[in-house]
Amino acid sequence: MDKYKRTNKTVLASGVKYLAAAVGALALGPVIVYNAFMNKDHGLFIPVLIVGVVFMLLAIFLVMKGLKLILDSFFKK
């Protein structure tokens, strides 16, 4: 039975956690950017826009890291 490759469940769980965190960032980033552009005349336009862009970049990073971990759990020894 040891001759078959098995999925590393701890690495898989870690990848799923990263993807779950990415869902929040995927939803929150565009909402913040949209609200920043709706209030262009407000004094905090630039800081709010920067926070929204950071959330969107964080979402991209979390998705890539989560998918990498999930694929590593399936295919690495």
N, C-alpha and C. Protein backbone atom coordinates (compact mmCIF):
# COMPACT_ATOMS: atom_id res chain seq x y z
N MET A 1 0.80 -1.19 0.00
CA MET A 1 0.00 0.00 0.00
C MET A 1 0.86 1.27 0.00
N ASP A 2 2.10 1.16 0.47
CA ASP A 2 2.98 2.32 0.49
C ASP A 2 3.53 2.67 -0.88
N LYS A 3 3.36 1.78 -1.85
CA LYS A 3 3.90 2.06 -3.18
C LYS A 3 3.07 3.10 -3.93
N TYR A 4 1.85 3.36 -3.47
CA TYR A 4 1.00 4.36 -4.10
C TYR A 4 1.27 5.73 -3.48
N LYS A 5 1.27 6.74 -4.34
CA LYS A 5 1.42 8.11 -3.85
C LYS A 5 0.12 8.53 -3.18
N ARG A 6 0.23 9.19 -2.08
CA ARG A 6 -0.93 9.69 -1.36
C ARG A 6 -0.88 11.21 -1.32
N THR A 7 -2.04 11.81 -1.18
CA THR A 7 -2.12 13.26 -1.06
C THR A 7 -1.67 13.67 0.33
N ASN A 8 -0.81 14.67 0.38
CA ASN A 8 -0.37 15.21 1.66
C ASN A 8 -1.49 16.11 2.19
N LYS A 9 -2.23 15.60 3.15
CA LYS A 9 -3.43 16.29 3.61
C LYS A 9 -3.14 17.58 4.37
N THR A 10 -2.01 17.68 5.03
CA THR A 10 -1.69 18.91 5.75
C THR A 10 -1.36 20.04 4.77
N VAL A 11 -0.65 19.73 3.71
CA VAL A 11 -0.34 20.75 2.70
C VAL A 11 -1.62 21.13 1.94
N LEU A 12 -2.47 20.15 1.68
CA LEU A 12 -3.74 20.43 1.01
C LEU A 12 -4.61 21.36 1.86
N ALA A 13 -4.68 21.10 3.16
CA ALA A 13 -5.47 21.95 4.05
C ALA A 13 -4.91 23.37 4.10
N SER A 14 -3.60 23.49 4.07
CA SER A 14 -2.98 24.81 4.07
C SER A 14 -3.32 25.56 2.78
N GLY A 15 -3.31 24.86 1.65
CA GLY A 15 -3.67 25.50 0.39
C GLY A 15 -5.11 25.95 0.35
N VAL A 16 -6.00 25.14 0.91
CA VAL A 16 -7.41 25.51 0.96
C VAL A 16 -7.61 26.73 1.86
N LYS A 17 -6.85 26.83 2.94
CA LYS A 17 -6.94 28.00 3.82
C LYS A 17 -6.51 29.27 3.08
N TYR A 18 -5.45 29.16 2.28
CA TYR A 18 -5.01 30.32 1.50
C TYR A 18 -6.09 30.73 0.50
N LEU A 19 -6.72 29.76 -0.13
CA LEU A 19 -7.79 30.10 -1.09
C LEU A 19 -9.00 30.71 -0.38
N ALA A 20 -9.30 30.24 0.82
CA ALA A 20 -10.41 30.82 1.58
C ALA A 20 -10.12 32.26 1.95
N ALA A 21 -8.89 32.56 2.31
CA ALA A 21 -8.52 33.94 2.61
C ALA A 21 -8.54 34.80 1.35
N ALA A 22 -8.23 34.18 0.22
CA ALA A 22 -8.22 34.93 -1.04
C ALA A 22 -9.63 35.35 -1.44
N VAL A 23 -10.63 34.56 -1.07
CA VAL A 23 -12.01 34.92 -1.41
C VAL A 23 -12.39 36.25 -0.78
N GLY A 24 -11.99 36.45 0.46
CA GLY A 24 -12.27 37.73 1.12
C GLY A 24 -11.57 38.89 0.44
N ALA A 25 -10.31 38.69 0.10
CA ALA A 25 -9.56 39.75 -0.57
C ALA A 25 -10.09 40.01 -1.98
N LEU A 26 -10.55 38.94 -2.65
CA LEU A 26 -11.13 39.10 -3.99
C LEU A 26 -12.40 39.93 -3.95
N ALA A 27 -13.15 39.83 -2.89
CA ALA A 27 -14.39 40.59 -2.77
C ALA A 27 -14.13 42.01 -2.27
N LEU A 28 -13.22 42.15 -1.33
CA LEU A 28 -13.01 43.43 -0.68
C LEU A 28 -12.22 44.43 -1.53
N GLY A 29 -11.25 43.96 -2.28
CA GLY A 29 -10.41 44.86 -3.07
C GLY A 29 -11.17 45.69 -4.09
N PRO A 30 -11.95 45.07 -4.99
CA PRO A 30 -12.70 45.88 -5.96
C PRO A 30 -13.74 46.79 -5.33
N VAL A 31 -14.32 46.39 -4.22
CA VAL A 31 -15.30 47.24 -3.54
C VAL A 31 -14.63 48.50 -3.03
N ILE A 32 -13.45 48.36 -2.45
CA ILE A 32 -12.73 49.53 -1.94
C ILE A 32 -12.30 50.45 -3.09
N VAL A 33 -11.82 49.88 -4.18
CA VAL A 33 -11.40 50.69 -5.33
C VAL A 33 -12.61 51.41 -5.93
N TYR A 34 -13.73 50.72 -6.04
CA TYR A 34 -14.94 51.36 -6.57
C TYR A 34 -15.37 52.53 -5.69
N ASN A 35 -15.36 52.32 -4.38
CA ASN A 35 -15.74 53.41 -3.48
C ASN A 35 -14.74 54.56 -3.54
N ALA A 36 -13.49 54.28 -3.77
CA ALA A 36 -12.51 55.35 -3.90
C ALA A 36 -12.80 56.19 -5.13
N PHE A 37 -13.14 55.54 -6.25
CA PHE A 37 -13.42 56.30 -7.47
C PHE A 37 -14.76 57.04 -7.40
N MET A 38 -15.67 56.58 -6.58
CA MET A 38 -16.93 57.31 -6.41
C MET A 38 -16.74 58.58 -5.59
N ASN A 39 -15.66 58.66 -4.83
CA ASN A 39 -15.40 59.83 -3.98
C ASN A 39 -14.07 60.48 -4.36
N LYS A 40 -13.93 60.82 -5.64
CA LYS A 40 -12.68 61.41 -6.12
C LYS A 40 -12.38 62.77 -5.48
N ASP A 41 -13.40 63.50 -5.11
CA ASP A 41 -13.18 64.83 -4.57
C ASP A 41 -12.87 64.81 -3.07
N HIS A 42 -12.91 63.65 -2.45
CA HIS A 42 -12.63 63.54 -1.02
C HIS A 42 -11.12 63.57 -0.78
N GLY A 43 -10.72 64.03 0.37
CA GLY A 43 -9.30 64.16 0.68
C GLY A 43 -8.56 62.85 0.83
N LEU A 44 -9.27 61.79 1.15
CA LEU A 44 -8.65 60.49 1.35
C LEU A 44 -8.74 59.58 0.12
N PHE A 45 -8.90 60.17 -1.05
CA PHE A 45 -9.03 59.39 -2.28
C PHE A 45 -7.81 58.50 -2.53
N ILE A 46 -6.63 59.08 -2.47
CA ILE A 46 -5.40 58.34 -2.78
C ILE A 46 -5.13 57.23 -1.75
N PRO A 47 -5.21 57.48 -0.44
CA PRO A 47 -4.96 56.40 0.50
C PRO A 47 -5.96 55.24 0.39
N VAL A 48 -7.23 55.56 0.15
CA VAL A 48 -8.24 54.51 0.00
C VAL A 48 -7.99 53.72 -1.28
N LEU A 49 -7.61 54.40 -2.34
CA LEU A 49 -7.28 53.71 -3.59
C LEU A 49 -6.08 52.78 -3.42
N ILE A 50 -5.08 53.24 -2.69
CA ILE A 50 -3.90 52.41 -2.44
C ILE A 50 -4.27 51.17 -1.63
N VAL A 51 -5.12 51.33 -0.64
CA VAL A 51 -5.56 50.18 0.17
C VAL A 51 -6.31 49.17 -0.71
N GLY A 52 -7.16 49.65 -1.60
CA GLY A 52 -7.89 48.76 -2.50
C GLY A 52 -6.98 48.01 -3.45
N VAL A 53 -5.98 48.69 -3.97
CA VAL A 53 -5.03 48.04 -4.88
C VAL A 53 -4.19 47.01 -4.12
N VAL A 54 -3.83 47.32 -2.89
CA VAL A 54 -3.07 46.37 -2.08
C VAL A 54 -3.91 45.11 -1.82
N PHE A 55 -5.19 45.28 -1.54
CA PHE A 55 -6.06 44.12 -1.34
C PHE A 55 -6.17 43.28 -2.61
N MET A 56 -6.22 43.93 -3.75
CA MET A 56 -6.31 43.17 -5.00
C MET A 56 -5.00 42.43 -5.30
N LEU A 57 -3.87 43.05 -5.01
CA LEU A 57 -2.59 42.35 -5.18
C LEU A 57 -2.45 41.21 -4.18
N LEU A 58 -2.94 41.41 -2.97
CA LEU A 58 -2.93 40.35 -1.96
C LEU A 58 -3.79 39.17 -2.41
N ALA A 59 -4.91 39.46 -3.04
CA ALA A 59 -5.78 38.39 -3.54
C ALA A 59 -5.06 37.57 -4.61
N ILE A 60 -4.36 38.23 -5.51
CA ILE A 60 -3.61 37.51 -6.55
C ILE A 60 -2.54 36.63 -5.91
N PHE A 61 -1.81 37.18 -4.94
CA PHE A 61 -0.77 36.42 -4.26
C PHE A 61 -1.35 35.21 -3.53
N LEU A 62 -2.46 35.39 -2.82
CA LEU A 62 -3.04 34.29 -2.05
C LEU A 62 -3.58 33.19 -2.96
N VAL A 63 -4.16 33.57 -4.09
CA VAL A 63 -4.65 32.56 -5.03
C VAL A 63 -3.49 31.75 -5.60
N MET A 64 -2.42 32.44 -6.00
CA MET A 64 -1.27 31.74 -6.57
C MET A 64 -0.63 30.81 -5.54
N LYS A 65 -0.46 31.28 -4.32
CA LYS A 65 0.16 30.46 -3.28
C LYS A 65 -0.74 29.28 -2.91
N GLY A 66 -2.06 29.51 -2.83
CA GLY A 66 -2.98 28.42 -2.51
C GLY A 66 -2.99 27.35 -3.58
N LEU A 67 -3.03 27.76 -4.85
CA LEU A 67 -3.02 26.77 -5.93
C LEU A 67 -1.70 26.01 -5.97
N LYS A 68 -0.60 26.70 -5.71
CA LYS A 68 0.71 26.02 -5.69
C LYS A 68 0.74 24.97 -4.59
N LEU A 69 0.24 25.32 -3.41
CA LEU A 69 0.24 24.36 -2.31
C LEU A 69 -0.66 23.16 -2.61
N ILE A 70 -1.80 23.41 -3.21
CA ILE A 70 -2.71 22.31 -3.54
C ILE A 70 -2.07 21.38 -4.57
N LEU A 71 -1.45 21.95 -5.59
CA LEU A 71 -0.78 21.12 -6.59
C LEU A 71 0.42 20.38 -6.01
N ASP A 72 1.14 21.03 -5.09
CA ASP A 72 2.25 20.34 -4.43
C ASP A 72 1.75 19.17 -3.59
N SER A 73 0.60 19.32 -2.97
CA SER A 73 0.08 18.22 -2.16
C SER A 73 -0.31 17.03 -3.01
N PHE A 74 -0.70 17.27 -4.24
CA PHE A 74 -1.08 16.16 -5.13
C PHE A 74 0.13 15.51 -5.78
N PHE A 75 1.10 16.28 -6.24
CA PHE A 75 2.13 15.77 -7.13
C PHE A 75 3.53 15.63 -6.54
N LYS A 76 3.82 16.23 -5.40
CA LYS A 76 5.15 16.09 -4.81
C LYS A 76 5.23 14.84 -3.96
N LYS A 77 6.44 14.36 -3.79
CA LYS A 77 6.63 13.15 -2.99
C LYS A 77 6.73 13.47 -1.52
